[in-house]
PDB file of N, CA and C in Angstrom:
ATOM      1  N   MET A   1      88.921  53.566  90.973  1.00  0.00           N
ATOM      2  CA  MET A   1      88.526  54.836  91.538  1.00  0.00           C
ATOM      3  C   MET A   1      89.656  55.362  92.431  1.00  0.00           C
ATOM      4  N   VAL A   2      89.977  56.641  92.297  1.00  0.00           N
ATOM      5  CA  VAL A   2      91.027  57.267  93.097  1.00  0.00           C
ATOM      6  C   VAL A   2      90.466  57.615  94.464  1.00  0.00           C
ATOM      7  N   ALA A   3      91.136  57.167  95.498  1.00  0.00           N
ATOM      8  CA  ALA A   3      90.697  57.473  96.848  1.00  0.00           C
ATOM      9  C   ALA A   3      91.254  58.818  97.312  1.00  0.00           C
ATOM     10  N   TYR A   4      92.546  59.080  97.008  1.00  0.00           N
ATOM     11  CA  TYR A   4      93.157  60.337  97.438  1.00  0.00           C
ATOM     12  C   TYR A   4      94.522  60.504  96.771  1.00  0.00           C
ATOM     13  N   PHE A   5      95.127  61.653  97.017  1.00  0.00           N
ATOM     14  CA  PHE A   5      96.471  61.946  96.548  1.00  0.00           C
ATOM     15  C   PHE A   5      97.377  62.063  97.766  1.00  0.00           C
ATOM     16  N   ALA A   6      98.650  61.778  97.577  1.00  0.00           N
ATOM     17  CA  ALA A   6      99.629  61.930  98.655  1.00  0.00           C
ATOM     18  C   ALA A   6     100.878  62.578  98.077  1.00  0.00           C
ATOM     19  N   VAL A   7     101.589  63.296  98.932  1.00  0.00           N
ATOM     20  CA  VAL A   7     102.847  63.933  98.540  1.00  0.00           C
ATOM     21  C   VAL A   7     103.927  63.469  99.511  1.00  0.00           C
ATOM     22  N   ILE A   8     105.029  62.982  98.979  1.00  0.00           N
ATOM     23  CA  ILE A   8     106.159  62.581  99.809  1.00  0.00           C
ATOM     24  C   ILE A   8     106.815  63.853 100.340  1.00  0.00           C
ATOM     25  N   THR A   9     106.854  63.993 101.678  1.00  0.00           N
ATOM     26  CA  THR A   9     107.392  65.204 102.300  1.00  0.00           C
ATOM     27  C   THR A   9     108.764  64.986 102.931  1.00  0.00           C
ATOM     28  N   LYS A  10     109.133  63.728 103.182  1.00  0.00           N
ATOM     29  CA  LYS A  10     110.437  63.443 103.779  1.00  0.00           C
ATOM     30  C   LYS A  10     110.838  62.021 103.405  1.00  0.00           C
ATOM     31  N   VAL A  11     112.107  61.858 103.064  1.00  0.00           N
ATOM     32  CA  VAL A  11     112.641  60.523 102.800  1.00  0.00           C
ATOM     33  C   VAL A  11     113.797  60.278 103.758  1.00  0.00           C
ATOM     34  N   SER A  12     114.075  59.047 104.037  1.00  0.00           N
ATOM     35  CA  SER A  12     115.127  58.664 104.972  1.00  0.00           C
ATOM     36  C   SER A  12     116.503  59.029 104.437  1.00  0.00           C
ATOM     37  N   ASP A  13     117.381  59.443 105.341  1.00  0.00           N
ATOM     38  CA  ASP A  13     118.782  59.658 104.981  1.00  0.00           C
ATOM     39  C   ASP A  13     119.555  58.342 105.027  1.00  0.00           C
ATOM     40  N   ASP A  14     118.958  57.338 105.616  1.00  0.00           N
ATOM     41  CA  ASP A  14     119.562  56.019 105.741  1.00  0.00           C
ATOM     42  C   ASP A  14     119.540  55.345 104.360  1.00  0.00           C
ATOM     43  N   SER A  15     120.649  54.755 103.975  1.00  0.00           N
ATOM     44  CA  SER A  15     120.720  54.152 102.638  1.00  0.00           C
ATOM     45  C   SER A  15     119.852  52.911 102.488  1.00  0.00           C
ATOM     46  N   SER A  16     119.238  52.441 103.562  1.00  0.00           N
ATOM     47  CA  SER A  16     118.371  51.272 103.438  1.00  0.00           C
ATOM     48  C   SER A  16     116.898  51.611 103.655  1.00  0.00           C
ATOM     49  N   GLY A  17     116.596  52.818 104.133  1.00  0.00           N
ATOM     50  CA  GLY A  17     115.222  53.146 104.492  1.00  0.00           C
ATOM     51  C   GLY A  17     114.283  53.438 103.349  1.00  0.00           C
ATOM     52  N   ASN A  18     114.809  53.807 102.183  1.00  0.00           N
ATOM     53  CA  ASN A  18     113.958  54.149 101.050  1.00  0.00           C
ATOM     54  C   ASN A  18     114.534  53.583  99.761  1.00  0.00           C
ATOM     55  N   TYR A  19     115.254  52.477  99.861  1.00  0.00           N
ATOM     56  CA  TYR A  19     115.867  51.885  98.678  1.00  0.00           C
ATOM     57  C   TYR A  19     115.397  50.451  98.493  1.00  0.00           C
ATOM     58  N   SER A  20     115.226  50.099  97.238  1.00  0.00           N
ATOM     59  CA  SER A  20     114.806  48.758  96.892  1.00  0.00           C
ATOM     60  C   SER A  20     115.778  48.186  95.865  1.00  0.00           C
ATOM     61  N   CYS A  21     115.870  46.887  95.814  1.00  0.00           N
ATOM     62  CA  CYS A  21     116.758  46.224  94.872  1.00  0.00           C
ATOM     63  C   CYS A  21     116.234  46.374  93.447  1.00  0.00           C
ATOM     64  N   ALA A  22     117.141  46.665  92.532  1.00  0.00           N
ATOM     65  CA  ALA A  22     116.800  46.776  91.115  1.00  0.00           C
ATOM     66  C   ALA A  22     117.906  46.099  90.311  1.00  0.00           C
ATOM     67  N   GLU A  23     117.689  46.011  89.021  1.00  0.00           N
ATOM     68  CA  GLU A  23     118.674  45.405  88.148  1.00  0.00           C
ATOM     69  C   GLU A  23     119.355  46.484  87.312  1.00  0.00           C
ATOM     70  N   MET A  24     120.605  46.218  86.968  1.00  0.00           N
ATOM     71  CA  MET A  24     121.374  47.119  86.125  1.00  0.00           C
ATOM     72  C   MET A  24     122.125  46.247  85.121  1.00  0.00           C
ATOM     73  N   LEU A  25     121.988  46.566  83.845  1.00  0.00           N
ATOM     74  CA  LEU A  25     122.647  45.792  82.802  1.00  0.00           C
ATOM     75  C   LEU A  25     123.898  46.529  82.341  1.00  0.00           C
ATOM     76  N   ILE A  26     125.017  45.827  82.321  1.00  0.00           N
ATOM     77  CA  ILE A  26     126.261  46.365  81.775  1.00  0.00           C
ATOM     78  C   ILE A  26     126.335  45.910  80.318  1.00  0.00           C
ATOM     79  N   ASN A  27     126.412  46.867  79.399  1.00  0.00           N
ATOM     80  CA  ASN A  27     126.422  46.552  77.976  1.00  0.00           C
ATOM     81  C   ASN A  27     127.652  47.192  77.324  1.00  0.00           C
ATOM     82  N   PRO A  28     128.734  46.447  77.164  1.00  0.00           N
ATOM     83  CA  PRO A  28     129.953  47.029  76.595  1.00  0.00           C
ATOM     84  C   PRO A  28     129.809  47.444  75.135  1.00  0.00           C
ATOM     85  N   ASP A  29     128.758  46.998  74.458  1.00  0.00           N
ATOM     86  CA  ASP A  29     128.561  47.319  73.042  1.00  0.00           C
ATOM     87  C   ASP A  29     127.707  48.570  72.829  1.00  0.00           C
ATOM     88  N   ALA A  30     127.452  49.318  73.882  1.00  0.00           N
ATOM     89  CA  ALA A  30     126.614  50.519  73.763  1.00  0.00           C
ATOM     90  C   ALA A  30     127.353  51.623  73.011  1.00  0.00           C
ATOM     91  N   ASN A  31     126.626  52.674  72.692  1.00  0.00           N
ATOM     92  CA  ASN A  31     127.175  53.820  71.988  1.00  0.00           C
ATOM     93  C   ASN A  31     128.374  54.386  72.758  1.00  0.00           C
ATOM     94  N   PRO A  32     129.564  54.345  72.185  1.00  0.00           N
ATOM     95  CA  PRO A  32     130.759  54.803  72.911  1.00  0.00           C
ATOM     96  C   PRO A  32     130.858  56.325  73.031  1.00  0.00           C
ATOM     97  N   ASN A  33     129.979  57.051  72.365  1.00  0.00           N
ATOM     98  CA  ASN A  33     130.038  58.514  72.380  1.00  0.00           C
ATOM     99  C   ASN A  33     129.320  59.138  73.566  1.00  0.00           C
ATOM    100  N   THR A  34     128.597  58.327  74.334  1.00  0.00           N
ATOM    101  CA  THR A  34     127.848  58.852  75.475  1.00  0.00           C
ATOM    102  C   THR A  34     128.376  58.221  76.754  1.00  0.00           C
ATOM    103  N   VAL A  35     128.871  59.051  77.643  1.00  0.00           N
ATOM    104  CA  VAL A  35     129.409  58.550  78.911  1.00  0.00           C
ATOM    105  C   VAL A  35     128.307  57.851  79.706  1.00  0.00           C
ATOM    106  N   GLY A  36     128.563  56.670  80.179  1.00  0.00           N
ATOM    107  CA  GLY A  36     127.602  55.927  80.987  1.00  0.00           C
ATOM    108  C   GLY A  36     126.529  55.211  80.201  1.00  0.00           C
ATOM    109  N   ALA A  37     126.558  55.292  78.874  1.00  0.00           N
ATOM    110  CA  ALA A  37     125.514  54.655  78.065  1.00  0.00           C
ATOM    111  C   ALA A  37     125.565  53.140  78.147  1.00  0.00           C
ATOM    112  N   ASN A  38     126.673  52.613  78.639  1.00  0.00           N
ATOM    113  CA  ASN A  38     126.785  51.155  78.723  1.00  0.00           C
ATOM    114  C   ASN A  38     126.206  50.598  80.015  1.00  0.00           C
ATOM    115  N   ILE A  39     125.608  51.460  80.852  1.00  0.00           N
ATOM    116  CA  ILE A  39     124.988  51.005  82.090  1.00  0.00           C
ATOM    117  C   ILE A  39     123.501  51.340  82.024  1.00  0.00           C
ATOM    118  N   ILE A  40     122.671  50.313  82.030  1.00  0.00           N
ATOM    119  CA  ILE A  40     121.217  50.485  81.881  1.00  0.00           C
ATOM    120  C   ILE A  40     120.542  50.063  83.181  1.00  0.00           C
ATOM    121  N   VAL A  41     119.931  51.020  83.882  1.00  0.00           N
ATOM    122  CA  VAL A  41     119.212  50.724  85.124  1.00  0.00           C
ATOM    123  C   VAL A  41     117.790  50.313  84.760  1.00  0.00           C
ATOM    124  N   ASN A  42     117.267  49.313  85.444  1.00  0.00           N
ATOM    125  CA  ASN A  42     115.939  48.754  85.164  1.00  0.00           C
ATOM    126  C   ASN A  42     115.792  48.387  83.689  1.00  0.00           C
ATOM    127  N   PRO A  43     116.620  47.472  83.196  1.00  0.00           N
ATOM    128  CA  PRO A  43     116.552  47.082  81.788  1.00  0.00           C
ATOM    129  C   PRO A  43     115.254  46.348  81.475  1.00  0.00           C
ATOM    130  N   PRO A  44     114.918  46.203  80.192  1.00  0.00           N
ATOM    131  CA  PRO A  44     113.698  45.468  79.813  1.00  0.00           C
ATOM    132  C   PRO A  44     113.707  44.058  80.394  1.00  0.00           C
ATOM    133  N   PHE A  45     112.511  43.551  80.691  1.00  0.00           N
ATOM    134  CA  PHE A  45     112.378  42.269  81.392  1.00  0.00           C
ATOM    135  C   PHE A  45     113.089  41.125  80.686  1.00  0.00           C
ATOM    136  N   HIS A  46     113.020  41.054  79.350  1.00  0.00           N
ATOM    137  CA  HIS A  46     113.645  39.919  78.662  1.00  0.00           C
ATOM    138  C   HIS A  46     115.152  39.884  78.905  1.00  0.00           C
ATOM    139  N   LEU A  47     115.786  41.046  79.084  1.00  0.00           N
ATOM    140  CA  LEU A  47     117.214  41.074  79.383  1.00  0.00           C
ATOM    141  C   LEU A  47     117.478  40.669  80.833  1.00  0.00           C
ATOM    142  N   VAL A  48     116.599  41.073  81.738  1.00  0.00           N
ATOM    143  CA  VAL A  48     116.732  40.662  83.129  1.00  0.00           C
ATOM    144  C   VAL A  48     116.654  39.138  83.214  1.00  0.00           C
ATOM    145  N   LYS A  49     115.663  38.585  82.540  1.00  0.00           N
ATOM    146  CA  LYS A  49     115.466  37.137  82.565  1.00  0.00           C
ATOM    147  C   LYS A  49     116.696  36.405  82.024  1.00  0.00           C
ATOM    148  N   GLU A  50     117.275  36.930  80.957  1.00  0.00           N
ATOM    149  CA  GLU A  50     118.420  36.287  80.313  1.00  0.00           C
ATOM    150  C   GLU A  50     119.658  36.253  81.214  1.00  0.00           C
ATOM    151  N   TYR A  51     119.892  37.318  81.975  1.00  0.00           N
ATOM    152  CA  TYR A  51     121.118  37.436  82.757  1.00  0.00           C
ATOM    153  C   TYR A  51     120.922  37.243  84.262  1.00  0.00           C
ATOM    154  N   PHE A  52     119.703  37.016  84.704  1.00  0.00           N
ATOM    155  CA  PHE A  52     119.395  36.947  86.129  1.00  0.00           C
ATOM    156  C   PHE A  52     120.150  35.824  86.845  1.00  0.00           C
ATOM    157  N   SER A  53     120.115  34.621  86.303  1.00  0.00           N
ATOM    158  CA  SER A  53     120.729  33.490  87.012  1.00  0.00           C
ATOM    159  C   SER A  53     122.231  33.688  87.177  1.00  0.00           C
ATOM    160  N   ASP A  54     122.906  34.250  86.174  1.00  0.00           N
ATOM    161  CA  ASP A  54     124.343  34.513  86.318  1.00  0.00           C
ATOM    162  C   ASP A  54     124.599  35.540  87.414  1.00  0.00           C
ATOM    163  N   ALA A  55     123.751  36.551  87.508  1.00  0.00           N
ATOM    164  CA  ALA A  55     123.918  37.589  88.529  1.00  0.00           C
ATOM    165  C   ALA A  55     123.743  37.000  89.923  1.00  0.00           C
ATOM    166  N   VAL A  56     122.783  36.117  90.086  1.00  0.00           N
ATOM    167  CA  VAL A  56     122.557  35.480  91.385  1.00  0.00           C
ATOM    168  C   VAL A  56     123.746  34.598  91.755  1.00  0.00           C
ATOM    169  N   LYS A  57     124.280  33.886  90.785  1.00  0.00           N
ATOM    170  CA  LYS A  57     125.433  33.018  91.045  1.00  0.00           C
ATOM    171  C   LYS A  57     126.655  33.819  91.499  1.00  0.00           C
ATOM    172  N   ARG A  58     126.815  35.036  90.973  1.00  0.00           N
ATOM    173  CA  ARG A  58     127.962  35.859  91.375  1.00  0.00           C
ATOM    174  C   ARG A  58     127.811  36.343  92.810  1.00  0.00           C
ATOM    175  N   GLY A  59     126.570  36.402  93.309  1.00  0.00           N
ATOM    176  CA  GLY A  59     126.328  36.790  94.692  1.00  0.00           C
ATOM    177  C   GLY A  59     126.804  38.186  95.012  1.00  0.00           C
ATOM    178  N   ARG A  60     127.587  38.317  96.055  1.00  0.00           N
ATOM    179  CA  ARG A  60     128.035  39.633  96.524  1.00  0.00           C
ATOM    180  C   ARG A  60     129.393  40.020  95.932  1.00  0.00           C
ATOM    181  N   ASP A  61     129.655  39.583  94.726  1.00  0.00           N
ATOM    182  CA  ASP A  61     130.900  39.946  94.056  1.00  0.00           C
ATOM    183  C   ASP A  61     130.950  41.468  93.924  1.00  0.00           C
ATOM    184  N   THR A  62     132.021  42.071  94.362  1.00  0.00           N
ATOM    185  CA  THR A  62     132.116  43.528  94.356  1.00  0.00           C
ATOM    186  C   THR A  62     132.810  44.080  93.111  1.00  0.00           C
ATOM    187  N   THR A  63     133.204  43.201  92.199  1.00  0.00           N
ATOM    188  CA  THR A  63     133.860  43.639  90.977  1.00  0.00           C
ATOM    189  C   THR A  63     132.861  43.635  89.829  1.00  0.00           C
ATOM    190  N   ILE A  64     132.781  44.757  89.130  1.00  0.00           N
ATOM    191  CA  ILE A  64     131.914  44.844  87.959  1.00  0.00           C
ATOM    192  C   ILE A  64     132.807  44.939  86.735  1.00  0.00           C
ATOM    193  N   ASN A  65     132.710  43.942  85.877  1.00  0.00           N
ATOM    194  CA  ASN A  65     133.510  43.896  84.663  1.00  0.00           C
ATOM    195  C   ASN A  65     132.771  44.661  83.568  1.00  0.00           C
ATOM    196  N   LEU A  66     133.247  45.847  83.225  1.00  0.00           N
ATOM    197  CA  LEU A  66     132.573  46.690  82.237  1.00  0.00           C
ATOM    198  C   LEU A  66     132.809  46.235  80.803  1.00  0.00           C
ATOM    199  N   THR A  67     133.612  45.175  80.614  1.00  0.00           N
ATOM    200  CA  THR A  67     133.852  44.663  79.266  1.00  0.00           C
ATOM    201  C   THR A  67     132.980  43.451  78.945  1.00  0.00           C
ATOM    202  N   LYS A  68     132.175  43.011  79.905  1.00  0.00           N
ATOM    203  CA  LYS A  68     131.334  41.815  79.734  1.00  0.00           C
ATOM    204  C   LYS A  68     129.869  42.202  79.888  1.00  0.00           C
ATOM    205  N   LYS A  69     129.029  41.729  78.973  1.00  0.00           N
ATOM    206  CA  LYS A  69     127.593  41.986  79.099  1.00  0.00           C
ATOM    207  C   LYS A  69     127.082  41.160  80.261  1.00  0.00           C
ATOM    208  N   GLN A  70     126.550  41.853  81.263  1.00  0.00           N
ATOM    209  CA  GLN A  70     126.112  41.170  82.477  1.00  0.00           C
ATOM    210  C   GLN A  70     125.092  42.024  83.223  1.00  0.00           C
ATOM    211  N   MET A  71     124.364  41.386  84.088  1.00  0.00           N
ATOM    212  CA  MET A  71     123.436  42.087  84.952  1.00  0.00           C
ATOM    213  C   MET A  71     124.007  42.107  86.359  1.00  0.00           C
ATOM    214  N   VAL A  72     123.868  43.251  87.025  1.00  0.00           N
ATOM    215  CA  VAL A  72     124.260  43.367  88.426  1.00  0.00           C
ATOM    216  C   VAL A  72     123.070  43.943  89.181  1.00  0.00           C
ATOM    217  N   PHE A  73     123.084  43.768  90.476  1.00  0.00           N
ATOM    218  CA  PHE A  73     122.015  44.303  91.307  1.00  0.00           C
ATOM    219  C   PHE A  73     122.441  45.642  91.891  1.00  0.00           C
ATOM    220  N   CYS A  74     121.483  46.530  92.054  1.00  0.00           N
ATOM    221  CA  CYS A  74     121.774  47.843  92.625  1.00  0.00           C
ATOM    222  C   CYS A  74     120.581  48.262  93.483  1.00  0.00           C
ATOM    223  N   ASN A  75     120.747  49.338  94.225  1.00  0.00           N
ATOM    224  CA  ASN A  75     119.645  49.902  95.011  1.00  0.00           C
ATOM    225  C   ASN A  75     119.170  51.193  94.352  1.00  0.00           C
ATOM    226  N   VAL A  76     117.869  51.368  94.290  1.00  0.00           N
ATOM    227  CA  VAL A  76     117.282  52.589  93.726  1.00  0.00           C
ATOM    228  C   VAL A  76     116.251  53.126  94.714  1.00  0.00           C
ATOM    229  N   PRO A  77     116.070  54.450  94.762  1.00  0.00           N
ATOM    230  CA  PRO A  77     115.058  55.009  95.661  1.00  0.00           C
ATOM    231  C   PRO A  77     113.660  54.523  95.278  1.00  0.00           C
ATOM    232  N   VAL A  78     112.835  54.273  96.277  1.00  0.00           N
ATOM    233  CA  VAL A  78     111.451  53.870  96.039  1.00  0.00           C
ATOM    234  C   VAL A  78     110.581  55.111  95.846  1.00  0.00           C
ATOM    235  N   PHE A  79     110.845  56.152  96.649  1.00  0.00           N
ATOM    236  CA  PHE A  79     110.089  57.404  96.572  1.00  0.00           C
ATOM    237  C   PHE A  79     111.052  58.581  96.548  1.00  0.00           C
ATOM    238  N   THR A  80     110.629  59.682  95.953  1.00  0.00           N
ATOM    239  CA  THR A  80     111.435  60.900  95.939  1.00  0.00           C
ATOM    240  C   THR A  80     110.669  62.033  96.604  1.00  0.00           C
ATOM    241  N   ILE A  81     111.416  62.953  97.184  1.00  0.00           N
ATOM    242  CA  ILE A  81     110.804  64.083  97.887  1.00  0.00           C
ATOM    243  C   ILE A  81     109.982  64.914  96.886  1.00  0.00           C
ATOM    244  N   GLY A  82     108.766  65.263  97.289  1.00  0.00           N
ATOM    245  CA  GLY A  82     107.876  66.047  96.435  1.00  0.00           C
ATOM    246  C   GLY A  82     107.068  65.219  95.450  1.00  0.00           C
ATOM    247  N   GLU A  83     107.303  63.930  95.406  1.00  0.00           N
ATOM    248  CA  GLU A  83     106.579  63.063  94.473  1.00  0.00           C
ATOM    249  C   GLU A  83     105.090  63.055  94.818  1.00  0.00           C
ATOM    250  N   ILE A  84     104.257  63.209  93.801  1.00  0.00           N
ATOM    251  CA  ILE A  84     102.802  63.144  93.985  1.00  0.00           C
ATOM    252  C   ILE A  84     102.363  61.723  93.675  1.00  0.00           C
ATOM    253  N   LEU A  85     101.646  61.138  94.620  1.00  0.00           N
ATOM    254  CA  LEU A  85     101.167  59.765  94.470  1.00  0.00           C
ATOM    255  C   LEU A  85      99.666  59.757  94.275  1.00  0.00           C
ATOM    256  N   VAL A  86      99.202  58.943  93.368  1.00  0.00           N
ATOM    257  CA  VAL A  86      97.770  58.681  93.228  1.00  0.00           C
ATOM    258  C   VAL A  86      97.528  57.396  94.001  1.00  0.00           C
ATOM    259  N   MET A  87      96.725  57.497  95.054  1.00  0.00           N
ATOM    260  CA  MET A  87      96.545  56.375  95.969  1.00  0.00           C
ATOM    261  C   MET A  87      95.171  55.737  95.808  1.00  0.00           C
ATOM    262  N   GLY A  88      95.136  54.427  95.876  1.00  0.00           N
ATOM    263  CA  GLY A  88      93.888  53.695  95.833  1.00  0.00           C
ATOM    264  C   GLY A  88      93.375  53.430  97.242  1.00  0.00           C
ATOM    265  N   SER A  89      92.216  52.829  97.330  1.00  0.00           N
ATOM    266  CA  SER A  89      91.593  52.567  98.629  1.00  0.00           C
ATOM    267  C   SER A  89      92.381  51.557  99.467  1.00  0.00           C
ATOM    268  N   ASN A  90      93.306  50.832  98.851  1.00  0.00           N
ATOM    269  CA  ASN A  90      94.144  49.872  99.586  1.00  0.00           C
ATOM    270  C   ASN A  90      95.453  50.501 100.066  1.00  0.00           C
ATOM    271  N   ASP A  91      95.549  51.830 100.015  1.00  0.00           N
ATOM    272  CA  ASP A  91      96.745  52.574 100.436  1.00  0.00           C
ATOM    273  C   ASP A  91      97.987  52.230  99.623  1.00  0.00           C
ATOM    274  N   ARG A  92      97.776  51.831  98.385  1.00  0.00           N
ATOM    275  CA  ARG A  92      98.881  51.575  97.458  1.00  0.00           C
ATOM    276  C   ARG A  92      98.767  52.534  96.280  1.00  0.00           C
ATOM    277  N   THR A  93      99.931  52.832  95.689  1.00  0.00           N
ATOM    278  CA  THR A  93      99.936  53.758  94.562  1.00  0.00           C
ATOM    279  C   THR A  93      99.315  53.118  93.327  1.00  0.00           C
ATOM    280  N   ILE A  94      98.690  53.958  92.541  1.00  0.00           N
ATOM    281  CA  ILE A  94      98.134  53.536  91.256  1.00  0.00           C
ATOM    282  C   ILE A  94      99.049  54.133  90.190  1.00  0.00           C
ATOM    283  N   PRO A  95      99.582  53.410  89.259  1.00  0.00           N
ATOM    284  CA  PRO A  95      99.280  52.030  88.894  1.00  0.00           C
ATOM    285  C   PRO A  95     100.285  50.999  89.396  1.00  0.00           C
ATOM    286  N   ASP A  96     101.380  51.419  90.075  1.00  0.00           N
ATOM    287  CA  ASP A  96     102.464  50.471  90.338  1.00  0.00           C
ATOM    288  C   ASP A  96     102.401  49.738  91.672  1.00  0.00           C
ATOM    289  N   GLY A  97     101.491  50.105  92.557  1.00  0.00           N
ATOM    290  CA  GLY A  97     101.265  49.336  93.776  1.00  0.00           C
ATOM    291  C   GLY A  97     102.260  49.533  94.901  1.00  0.00           C
ATOM    292  N   ARG A  98     103.082  50.600  94.856  1.00  0.00           N
ATOM    293  CA  ARG A  98     104.000  50.852  95.976  1.00  0.00           C
ATOM    294  C   ARG A  98     103.191  51.276  97.202  1.00  0.00           C
ATOM    295  N   LYS A  99     103.687  50.949  98.379  1.00  0.00           N
ATOM    296  CA  LYS A  99     102.982  51.274  99.617  1.00  0.00           C
ATOM    297  C   LYS A  99     103.914  52.108 100.503  1.00  0.00           C
ATOM    298  N   PRO A 100     103.664  53.427 100.611  1.00  0.00           N
ATOM    299  CA  PRO A 100     104.561  54.293 101.374  1.00  0.00           C
ATOM    300  C   PRO A 100     104.765  53.854 102.819  1.00  0.00           C
ATOM    301  N   ASP A 101     103.757  53.270 103.429  1.00  0.00           N
ATOM    302  CA  ASP A 101     103.873  52.859 104.832  1.00  0.00           C
ATOM    303  C   ASP A 101     104.923  51.764 105.056  1.00  0.00           C
ATOM    304  N   LYS A 102     105.337  51.093 104.002  1.00  0.00           N
ATOM    305  CA  LYS A 102     106.349  50.045 104.130  1.00  0.00           C
ATOM    306  C   LYS A 102     107.766  50.605 104.150  1.00  0.00           C
ATOM    307  N   TRP A 103     107.919  51.894 103.860  1.00  0.00           N
ATOM    308  CA  TRP A 103     109.237  52.495 103.700  1.00  0.00           C
ATOM    309  C   TRP A 103     109.420  53.625 104.694  1.00  0.00           C
ATOM    310  N   ASP A 104     110.658  54.031 104.882  1.00  0.00           N
ATOM    311  CA  ASP A 104     110.985  55.094 105.827  1.00  0.00           C
ATOM    312  C   ASP A 104     110.807  56.457 105.140  1.00  0.00           C
ATOM    313  N   VAL A 105     109.538  56.792 104.869  1.00  0.00           N
ATOM    314  CA  VAL A 105     109.190  58.069 104.249  1.00  0.00           C
ATOM    315  C   VAL A 105     108.007  58.676 105.001  1.00  0.00           C
ATOM    316  N   GLU A 106     107.840  59.976 104.839  1.00  0.00           N
ATOM    317  CA  GLU A 106     106.663  60.654 105.385  1.00  0.00           C
ATOM    318  C   GLU A 106     105.892  61.251 104.228  1.00  0.00           C
ATOM    319  N   TYR A 107     104.582  61.320 104.376  1.00  0.00           N
ATOM    320  CA  TYR A 107     103.752  61.877 103.314  1.00  0.00           C
ATOM    321  C   TYR A 107     102.530  62.558 103.905  1.00  0.00           C
ATOM    322  N   GLU A 108     101.950  63.440 103.107  1.00  0.00           N
ATOM    323  CA  GLU A 108     100.717  64.126 103.489  1.00  0.00           C
ATOM    324  C   GLU A 108      99.642  63.767 102.483  1.00  0.00           C
ATOM    325  N   ILE A 109      98.403  63.709 102.959  1.00  0.00           N
ATOM    326  CA  ILE A 109      97.257  63.285 102.146  1.00  0.00           C
ATOM    327  C   ILE A 109      96.434  64.495 101.714  1.00  0.00           C
ATOM    328  N   PHE A 110      95.949  64.440 100.461  1.00  0.00           N
ATOM    329  CA  PHE A 110      95.129  65.509  99.905  1.00  0.00           C
ATOM    330  C   PHE A 110      93.954  64.910  99.143  1.00  0.00           C
ATOM    331  N   ASN A 111      92.833  65.635  99.154  1.00  0.00           N
ATOM    332  CA  ASN A 111      91.650  65.171  98.430  1.00  0.00           C
ATOM    333  C   ASN A 111      91.618  65.639  96.985  1.00  0.00           C
ATOM    334  N   ASP A 112      92.413  66.675  96.661  1.00  0.00           N
ATOM    335  CA  ASP A 112      92.394  67.172  95.285  1.00  0.00           C
ATOM    336  C   ASP A 112      93.821  67.369  94.777  1.00  0.00           C
ATOM    337  N   ILE A 113      93.979  67.257  93.485  1.00  0.00           N
ATOM    338  CA  ILE A 113      95.298  67.314  92.864  1.00  0.00           C
ATOM    339  C   ILE A 113      95.928  68.697  92.975  1.00  0.00           C
ATOM    340  N   ASP A 114      95.133  69.755  92.963  1.00  0.00           N
ATOM    341  CA  ASP A 114      95.688  71.106  93.045  1.00  0.00           C
ATOM    342  C   ASP A 114      96.391  71.338  94.385  1.00  0.00           C
ATOM    343  N   SER A 115      95.791  70.889  95.466  1.00  0.00           N
ATOM    344  CA  SER A 115      96.417  71.018  96.786  1.00  0.00           C
ATOM    345  C   SER A 115      97.686  70.174  96.868  1.00  0.00           C
ATOM    346  N   ALA A 116      97.631  68.984  96.292  1.00  0.00           N
ATOM    347  CA  ALA A 116      98.800  68.105  96.283  1.00  0.00           C
ATOM    348  C   ALA A 116      99.936  68.734  95.475  1.00  0.00           C
ATOM    349  N   ALA A 117      99.613  69.327  94.345  1.00  0.00           N
ATOM    350  CA  ALA A 117     100.635  69.956  93.502  1.00  0.00           C
ATOM    351  C   ALA A 117     101.273  71.149  94.217  1.00  0.00           C
ATOM    352  N   LYS A 118     100.460  71.932  94.912  1.00  0.00           N
ATOM    353  CA  LYS A 118     100.979  73.077  95.658  1.00  0.00           C
ATOM    354  C   LYS A 118     101.964  72.608  96.739  1.00  0.00           C
ATOM    355  N   ARG A 119     101.580  71.589  97.483  1.00  0.00           N
ATOM    356  CA  ARG A 119     102.449  71.069  98.557  1.00  0.00           C
ATOM    357  C   ARG A 119     103.717  70.444  97.976  1.00  0.00           C
ATOM    358  N   SER A 120     103.594  69.778  96.848  1.00  0.00           N
ATOM    359  CA  SER A 120     104.744  69.175  96.207  1.00  0.00           C
ATOM    360  C   SER A 120     105.785  70.238  95.856  1.00  0.00           C
ATOM    361  N   LYS A 121     105.340  71.340  95.319  1.00  0.00           N
ATOM    362  CA  LYS A 121     106.261  72.446  94.991  1.00  0.00           C
ATOM    363  C   LYS A 121     106.926  73.001  96.241  1.00  0.00           C
ATOM    364  N   GLU A 122     106.185  73.068  97.342  1.00  0.00           N
ATOM    365  CA  GLU A 122     106.746  73.560  98.598  1.00  0.00           C
ATOM    366  C   GLU A 122     107.867  72.666  99.111  1.00  0.00           C
ATOM    367  N   VAL A 123     107.603  71.373  99.186  1.00  0.00           N
ATOM    368  CA  VAL A 123     108.617  70.463  99.748  1.00  0.00           C
ATOM    369  C   VAL A 123     109.755  70.223  98.791  1.00  0.00           C
ATOM    370  N   TYR A 124     109.498  70.225  97.497  1.00  0.00           N
ATOM    371  CA  TYR A 124     110.557  70.017  96.522  1.00  0.00           C
ATOM    372  C   TYR A 124     111.548  71.171  96.545  1.00  0.00           C
ATOM    373  N   GLY A 125     111.034  72.371  96.768  1.00  0.00           N
ATOM    374  CA  GLY A 125     111.885  73.555  96.812  1.00  0.00           C
ATOM    375  C   GLY A 125     112.768  73.631  98.033  1.00  0.00           C
ATOM    376  N   LYS A 126     112.433  72.873  99.086  1.00  0.00           N
ATOM    377  CA  LYS A 126     113.210  72.899 100.331  1.00  0.00           C
ATOM    378  C   LYS A 126     114.455  72.037 100.247  1.00  0.00           C
ATOM    379  N   GLU A 127     114.474  71.110  99.316  1.00  0.00           N
ATOM    380  CA  GLU A 127     115.597  70.177  99.255  1.00  0.00           C
ATOM    381  C   GLU A 127     116.831  70.821  98.691  1.00  0.00           C
TER     382      GLU A 127
END
């Protein structure tokens, strides 16, 4: 059951306040006709599992070898400005379980989707 809707109205300018660790797969065998196609953010789980231990062993290595198939860690935003959240009674998003209160973001609560959509357009247009 949906408890309420929320709209992200402000996100942190700090590079650590709204970012979470994610995986990125470097695939040198990707389509060479598309720039950046050899870098896959949030790759499928089976690929993460296959390359995870090597990535951990490399630790804080700052060199990314684009000629070797490998996984590296990166930071990705947890929430975006104007994002509409469907919230459950446990104050977590449905279906992925993110909790805005854990991050450096501000949000407003709405009882209906139409009000949330209107506010989302307002804040998204300000950015």
